Structures are given as C-alpha cells and as structure tokens.
N, C-alpha and C. Protein backbone atom coordinates (compact mmCIF):
# COMPACT_ATOMS: atom_id res chain seq x y z
N UNK A 1 -6.28 4.75 -21.02
CA UNK A 1 -5.10 4.42 -19.78
C UNK A 1 -5.57 4.00 -18.87
N UNK A 2 -4.25 2.62 -17.97
CA UNK A 2 -4.13 1.73 -17.40
C UNK A 2 -3.51 3.18 -15.96
N UNK A 3 -3.66 3.56 -14.61
CA UNK A 3 -3.61 4.04 -13.97
C UNK A 3 -3.86 3.15 -12.10
N UNK A 4 -2.54 3.84 -11.63
CA UNK A 4 -2.53 2.91 -10.22
C UNK A 4 -2.35 4.83 -8.70
N UNK A 5 -3.18 5.58 -9.24
CA UNK A 5 -2.56 6.53 -8.05
C UNK A 5 -2.40 6.78 -6.29
N UNK A 6 -1.68 6.57 -5.83
CA UNK A 6 -1.28 6.68 -4.58
C UNK A 6 -2.40 8.04 -3.62
N UNK A 7 -2.39 7.62 -2.96
CA UNK A 7 -2.45 9.02 -1.99
C UNK A 7 -1.94 8.98 -0.52
N UNK A 8 -2.18 10.24 0.33
CA UNK A 8 -2.38 10.48 1.78
C UNK A 8 -1.04 10.32 2.23
N UNK A 9 0.03 9.68 1.47
CA UNK A 9 1.50 9.97 2.96
C UNK A 9 1.03 11.66 2.98
N UNK A 10 2.08 11.22 4.32
CA UNK A 10 3.02 12.71 5.10
C UNK A 10 3.97 12.66 5.89
N UNK A 11 4.43 13.76 7.00
CA UNK A 11 5.08 13.86 7.89
C UNK A 11 4.09 13.03 8.30
N UNK A 12 4.39 12.21 9.56
CA UNK A 12 3.93 12.03 10.71
C UNK A 12 5.00 11.28 12.19
N UNK A 13 3.98 12.13 13.25
CA UNK A 13 4.77 11.91 14.18
C UNK A 13 5.08 10.59 15.37
N UNK A 14 6.39 10.43 15.62
CA UNK A 14 6.13 8.36 15.86
C UNK A 14 5.28 8.42 16.60
N UNK A 15 4.49 6.92 16.08
CA UNK A 15 2.78 6.80 17.01
C UNK A 15 2.33 6.97 16.25
N UNK A 16 2.67 7.80 15.31
CA UNK A 16 0.64 8.32 14.89
C UNK A 16 0.75 7.93 13.45
N UNK A 17 -0.29 8.03 13.02
CA UNK A 17 -1.25 7.32 12.13
C UNK A 17 -1.68 7.00 11.08
N UNK A 18 -1.78 7.06 9.70
CA UNK A 18 -2.04 7.72 8.26
C UNK A 18 -3.41 6.35 7.11
N UNK A 19 -3.18 7.16 6.08
CA UNK A 19 -4.36 6.20 5.89
C UNK A 19 -3.72 6.64 4.71
N UNK A 20 -3.63 5.23 3.17
CA UNK A 20 -2.82 5.43 1.76
C UNK A 20 -3.88 5.29 1.67
N UNK A 21 -4.37 5.67 0.64
CA UNK A 21 -5.69 5.08 -1.20
C UNK A 21 -4.97 4.69 -2.29
N UNK A 22 -5.02 4.12 -2.41
CA UNK A 22 -4.90 3.46 -4.44
C UNK A 22 -5.97 3.65 -4.94
N UNK A 23 -6.02 4.23 -5.94
CA UNK A 23 -6.73 4.68 -6.75
C UNK A 23 -7.29 3.64 -7.93
N UNK A 24 -7.59 2.58 -9.12
CA UNK A 24 -7.27 2.06 -10.04
C UNK A 24 -8.45 3.59 -11.57
N UNK A 25 -8.01 3.40 -11.85
CA UNK A 25 -8.00 3.22 -13.64
C UNK A 25 -8.23 2.79 -14.29
N UNK A 26 -8.47 2.64 -15.75
CA UNK A 26 -8.76 1.73 -16.77
C UNK A 26 -8.24 0.21 -16.23
N UNK A 27 -8.97 0.16 -15.29
CA UNK A 27 -9.30 -1.14 -15.23
C UNK A 27 -9.66 -2.06 -13.84
N UNK A 28 -10.11 -2.87 -14.60
CA UNK A 28 -11.40 -3.57 -12.84
C UNK A 28 -10.33 -4.83 -11.36
N UNK A 29 -9.69 -4.12 -10.54
CA UNK A 29 -9.42 -4.05 -9.68
C UNK A 29 -10.19 -5.85 -8.96
N UNK A 30 -10.89 -5.60 -9.31
CA UNK A 30 -11.69 -7.52 -8.98
C UNK A 30 -11.08 -8.12 -9.25
N UNK A 31 -10.35 -9.04 -9.58
CA UNK A 31 -10.10 -9.57 -10.14
C UNK A 31 -8.51 -9.80 -10.05
N UNK A 32 -7.88 -8.59 -9.38
CA UNK A 32 -6.75 -8.73 -9.16
C UNK A 32 -5.89 -8.70 -7.44
N UNK A 33 -4.83 -9.07 -7.05
CA UNK A 33 -4.80 -8.95 -5.73
C UNK A 33 -4.08 -7.82 -5.69
N UNK A 34 -4.50 -7.44 -4.58
CA UNK A 34 -3.31 -5.82 -4.22
C UNK A 34 -1.78 -5.75 -3.63
N UNK A 35 -1.04 -5.26 -3.90
CA UNK A 35 -0.13 -5.05 -2.94
C UNK A 35 0.44 -3.95 -2.63
N UNK A 36 1.06 -3.50 -1.13
CA UNK A 36 1.33 -2.32 -1.18
C UNK A 36 3.25 -2.99 -0.69
N UNK A 37 4.02 -1.59 -1.27
CA UNK A 37 5.60 -2.59 -1.98
C UNK A 37 5.68 -0.95 -0.95
N UNK A 38 7.06 -1.18 -0.46
CA UNK A 38 7.13 0.42 0.16
C UNK A 38 9.41 0.35 -0.84
N UNK A 39 9.90 1.12 -0.61
CA UNK A 39 11.63 1.21 -0.62
C UNK A 39 12.08 2.78 0.93
N UNK A 40 12.27 2.41 1.12
CA UNK A 40 13.60 3.39 1.46
C UNK A 40 14.48 3.40 1.23
N UNK A 41 15.52 5.35 1.47
CA UNK A 41 16.51 4.80 0.45
C UNK A 41 18.11 4.54 0.42
N UNK A 42 18.73 3.93 0.06
CA UNK A 42 19.04 2.79 0.09
C UNK A 42 19.52 1.12 -0.11
N UNK A 43 17.93 1.96 -0.03
CA UNK A 43 16.94 -0.32 0.47
C UNK A 43 16.56 -1.02 -0.62
N UNK A 44 16.00 -1.47 -1.22
CA UNK A 44 15.33 -2.51 -2.06
C UNK A 44 14.20 -2.40 -1.53
N UNK A 45 12.93 -2.22 -3.35
CA UNK A 45 11.13 -2.54 -2.60
C UNK A 45 10.99 -3.79 -1.87
N UNK A 46 10.38 -4.04 -0.38
CA UNK A 46 10.19 -4.70 -0.13
C UNK A 46 8.24 -4.73 -0.25
N UNK A 47 8.29 -6.39 -0.62
CA UNK A 47 6.40 -6.26 0.55
C UNK A 47 6.38 -5.92 1.56
N UNK A 48 5.20 -4.41 1.81
CA UNK A 48 4.55 -4.52 2.88
C UNK A 48 3.44 -5.75 3.62
N UNK A 49 2.38 -5.66 2.34
CA UNK A 49 1.01 -5.71 3.02
C UNK A 49 0.72 -6.85 0.77
N UNK A 50 -0.42 -7.81 1.05
CA UNK A 50 -1.10 -7.90 0.15
C UNK A 50 -2.80 -8.36 0.71
N UNK A 51 -3.80 -7.95 -0.36
CA UNK A 51 -4.75 -9.22 -0.05
C UNK A 51 -5.05 -9.52 -1.61
N UNK A 52 -5.98 -11.04 -1.53
CA UNK A 52 -6.66 -11.36 -2.34
C UNK A 52 -8.06 -10.20 -2.94
N UNK A 53 -7.84 -10.51 -4.58
CA UNK A 53 -9.12 -10.71 -5.05
C UNK A 53 -10.84 -10.45 -4.88
N UNK A 54 -10.53 -11.31 -4.16
CA UNK A 54 -11.75 -11.40 -2.97
C UNK A 54 -11.63 -10.83 -1.49
N UNK A 55 -10.37 -10.39 -1.11
CA UNK A 55 -10.37 -9.96 0.14
C UNK A 55 -10.66 -10.51 1.38
N UNK A 56 -10.41 -11.88 1.06
CA UNK A 56 -10.34 -12.95 1.91
C UNK A 56 -8.54 -13.23 3.10
N UNK A 57 -7.78 -12.80 1.59
CA UNK A 57 -7.03 -13.23 2.71
C UNK A 57 -6.37 -11.98 2.99
N UNK A 58 -5.38 -11.42 3.43
CA UNK A 58 -4.21 -11.03 2.96
C UNK A 58 -2.63 -11.60 4.33
N UNK A 59 -2.34 -10.45 4.11
CA UNK A 59 -0.35 -11.37 4.59
C UNK A 59 -0.19 -10.06 5.28
N UNK A 60 1.11 -9.57 5.40
CA UNK A 60 1.41 -8.77 6.28
C UNK A 60 3.57 -8.99 6.46
N UNK A 61 4.14 -7.95 5.71
CA UNK A 61 5.52 -8.61 6.68
C UNK A 61 5.70 -8.65 7.44
N UNK A 62 6.47 -9.18 8.62
CA UNK A 62 6.71 -9.40 9.66
C UNK A 62 6.73 -7.86 10.15
N UNK A 63 7.07 -6.83 10.14
CA UNK A 63 7.71 -5.27 9.79
C UNK A 63 6.32 -4.65 10.58
N UNK A 64 5.41 -5.15 10.21
CA UNK A 64 4.29 -4.44 10.34
C UNK A 64 3.45 -4.70 10.96
N UNK A 65 3.19 -6.45 10.23
CA UNK A 65 2.21 -7.49 11.26
C UNK A 65 1.87 -6.62 12.56
N UNK A 66 0.43 -6.64 12.82
CA UNK A 66 0.23 -5.22 14.42
C UNK A 66 -0.51 -3.98 13.60
N UNK A 67 0.35 -4.29 13.07
CA UNK A 67 0.29 -2.38 12.98
C UNK A 67 -0.70 -1.75 11.37
N UNK A 68 -0.28 -2.65 10.48
CA UNK A 68 -1.09 -2.39 9.94
C UNK A 68 -2.37 -2.70 8.72
N UNK A 69 -3.44 -2.10 8.67
CA UNK A 69 -4.40 -2.61 7.80
C UNK A 69 -4.49 -2.95 6.13
N UNK A 70 -4.49 -3.75 5.37
CA UNK A 70 -4.60 -3.10 4.29
C UNK A 70 -6.06 -3.94 3.97
N UNK A 71 -6.64 -2.64 3.09
CA UNK A 71 -8.29 -3.67 3.08
C UNK A 71 -9.28 -2.65 1.17
N UNK A 72 -9.88 -3.56 0.25
CA UNK A 72 -10.37 -3.54 -0.60
C UNK A 72 -11.67 -2.47 -0.78
N UNK A 73 -11.42 -2.01 -1.54
CA UNK A 73 -13.44 -0.65 -1.93
C UNK A 73 -12.60 -1.95 -3.69
N UNK A 74 -13.65 -2.83 -3.89
CA UNK A 74 -13.36 -2.71 -5.14
C UNK A 74 -14.63 -1.78 -5.47
N UNK A 75 -15.80 -1.42 -5.14
CA UNK A 75 -16.42 -1.27 -5.81
C UNK A 75 -16.31 0.28 -5.57
N UNK A 76 -14.90 0.56 -5.51
CA UNK A 76 -14.78 2.04 -5.77
C UNK A 76 -13.63 2.42 -6.04
N UNK A 77 -12.81 0.82 -6.31
CA UNK A 77 -11.40 0.40 -7.57
C UNK A 77 -10.51 1.21 -6.75
N UNK A 78 -10.16 1.23 -4.71
CA UNK A 78 -9.76 1.80 -4.38
C UNK A 78 -8.76 0.52 -3.35
N UNK A 79 -7.89 0.32 -3.05
CA UNK A 79 -7.33 0.22 -1.91
C UNK A 79 -6.36 1.06 -1.29
N UNK A 80 -6.37 0.26 0.35
CA UNK A 80 -6.34 1.27 1.34
C UNK A 80 -4.88 0.52 2.05
N UNK A 81 -4.36 1.49 2.80
CA UNK A 81 -3.59 1.07 4.30
C UNK A 81 -3.13 1.44 4.88
N UNK A 82 -4.35 0.93 6.11
CA UNK A 82 -4.25 2.18 7.66
C UNK A 82 -3.00 1.71 7.93
N UNK A 83 -2.14 2.52 8.13
CA UNK A 83 -1.21 2.12 9.62
C UNK A 83 -0.47 3.13 10.52
N UNK A 84 -0.45 2.00 11.76
CA UNK A 84 -0.29 2.82 12.85
C UNK A 84 0.50 2.82 13.66
N UNK A 85 0.52 3.31 14.90
CA UNK A 85 1.66 2.82 15.80
C UNK A 85 3.41 3.04 14.40
N UNK A 86 2.94 3.78 14.45
CA UNK A 86 4.14 4.35 13.11
C UNK A 86 5.77 4.85 13.73
N UNK A 87 6.37 4.45 13.28
CA UNK A 87 8.53 4.45 13.31
C UNK A 87 8.97 5.31 12.82
N UNK A 88 9.96 5.75 12.86
CA UNK A 88 10.79 6.34 11.97
C UNK A 88 11.26 4.72 10.71
N UNK A 89 11.71 3.80 11.33
CA UNK A 89 12.04 2.73 10.24
C UNK A 89 10.51 2.36 9.00
N UNK A 90 9.89 3.31 9.58
CA UNK A 90 8.53 3.05 7.99
C UNK A 90 8.81 4.09 7.12
N UNK A 91 9.71 4.80 7.55
CA UNK A 91 9.76 6.24 6.00
C UNK A 91 10.48 5.10 4.84
N UNK A 92 9.85 5.33 4.36
CA UNK A 92 10.25 5.53 2.78
C UNK A 92 8.52 6.12 1.78
N UNK A 93 8.73 5.12 0.56
CA UNK A 93 7.86 5.84 -0.84
C UNK A 93 7.35 4.31 -0.59
N UNK A 94 5.86 4.36 -0.85
CA UNK A 94 4.94 3.61 -1.03
C UNK A 94 4.64 2.82 -2.44
N UNK A 95 4.46 2.39 -2.25
CA UNK A 95 3.28 2.11 -4.20
C UNK A 95 2.84 0.38 -3.53
N UNK A 96 1.87 0.80 -4.07
CA UNK A 96 0.62 0.53 -4.75
C UNK A 96 0.36 -0.47 -6.03
N UNK A 97 0.34 -2.13 -5.92
CA UNK A 97 0.86 -2.93 -6.86
C UNK A 97 -0.46 -3.22 -7.44
N UNK A 98 -1.28 -4.35 -8.74
CA UNK A 98 -2.08 -4.76 -8.91
C UNK A 98 -1.26 -6.14 -9.45
N UNK A 99 -1.45 -7.41 -9.35
CA UNK A 99 -0.98 -8.28 -9.92
C UNK A 99 -2.35 -9.21 -9.93
N UNK A 100 -1.66 -10.29 -11.71
CA UNK A 100 -2.92 -10.94 -11.98
C UNK A 100 -2.46 -11.50 -12.75
N UNK A 101 -1.80 -13.13 -12.62
CA UNK A 101 -0.86 -14.05 -13.55
C UNK A 101 0.17 -13.51 -13.16
N UNK A 102 1.06 -13.31 -14.73
CA UNK A 102 1.23 -12.16 -15.17
C UNK A 102 1.73 -10.56 -15.43
N UNK A 103 0.07 -10.28 -15.23
CA UNK A 103 0.64 -8.75 -15.35
C UNK A 103 -0.12 -8.38 -13.64
N UNK A 104 1.23 -7.16 -14.43
CA UNK A 104 0.70 -6.36 -13.19
C UNK A 104 1.45 -4.40 -13.42
N UNK A 105 0.39 -4.15 -12.88
CA UNK A 105 0.77 -2.81 -12.89
C UNK A 105 1.60 -1.65 -11.59
N UNK A 106 2.13 -0.91 -11.55
CA UNK A 106 2.37 -0.43 -9.97
C UNK A 106 2.19 1.50 -10.65
N UNK A 107 1.78 1.91 -9.13
CA UNK A 107 1.23 3.88 -9.08
C UNK A 107 2.80 3.82 -8.59
N UNK A 108 3.28 5.89 -8.49
CA UNK A 108 3.82 6.18 -9.24
C UNK A 108 4.79 6.12 -7.25
N UNK A 109 4.40 5.76 -6.12
CA UNK A 109 3.87 5.83 -5.11
C UNK A 109 3.88 7.70 -4.39
N UNK A 110 3.47 6.82 -2.59
CA UNK A 110 3.20 7.85 -1.86
C UNK A 110 4.97 8.04 -0.88
N UNK A 111 4.98 8.99 -0.43
CA UNK A 111 6.46 9.58 0.21
C UNK A 111 5.14 9.31 1.38
N UNK A 112 6.35 8.21 2.75
CA UNK A 112 5.49 9.26 4.15
C UNK A 112 6.61 9.34 5.00
N UNK A 113 6.81 9.60 5.65
CA UNK A 113 8.22 10.51 6.61
C UNK A 113 7.68 9.99 8.07
N UNK A 114 7.60 9.36 8.74
CA UNK A 114 7.99 8.98 10.80
C UNK A 114 8.93 9.84 11.20
N UNK A 115 9.36 11.24 12.04
CA UNK A 115 9.98 11.41 12.87
C UNK A 115 9.29 12.81 13.19
N UNK A 116 10.38 12.59 14.09
CA UNK A 116 10.33 13.74 15.65
C UNK A 116 10.98 15.06 15.12
C-alpha cells in the first residue's frame, strides 16, 4: 500500500522554526521528484518547494525563498522541509507529494499554525 505520511506540524510563534517530515512506504522515492505544497483556508493549494530525484536541484516559491529548505534522505525514504523565520502567513496545511511522469502520490497533510 502506497503511503506518504507527514509529521512535524504544530503551533509555533512568529519567527520560530519547524521541521516537517514526509515518510514514504509502499514505493521507493529515489526516482521521484518530491514536493511540498500548502493550502491555507479559503486559498488554492500552492507549491512551496521541489527537490529532484537525485537531490541536486531544488526550487522554492518566492514567498519562502531563503527561509525554507527542502531535503531528502533516499536511504530513509523520507523528505523534509525545514522552515525558519516563520510568519503568520505561513499558516496552512502542508502536503507532501511524490511525482514521476504522470504518476503522483499525496499525503494527508499536517497543520502548521504560526501565531502569537
């Protein structure tokens, strides 16, 4: 059974940090590009960060560039999103996505709330 399970979300003060994890099972992520998306209430889902299968290339939304870092550990079949200098506008449900050609898998999401 293919699964992506996100963890690490929670409530954090503005300026704080969180590290999200996405553990895959039922398939091997090593040949998949991995993405983090987020969806805030009343807004469309947006792409936050991407990492290629080899991990050589990454890309970020302008809104998180310089604050978020995506990484992967293919040996652990896990992808991470380190989030620093968090802002209230980063509040959203964060989703992990695995993509290869036309095949894609999604996690169930983890809530991140940035509030004082």
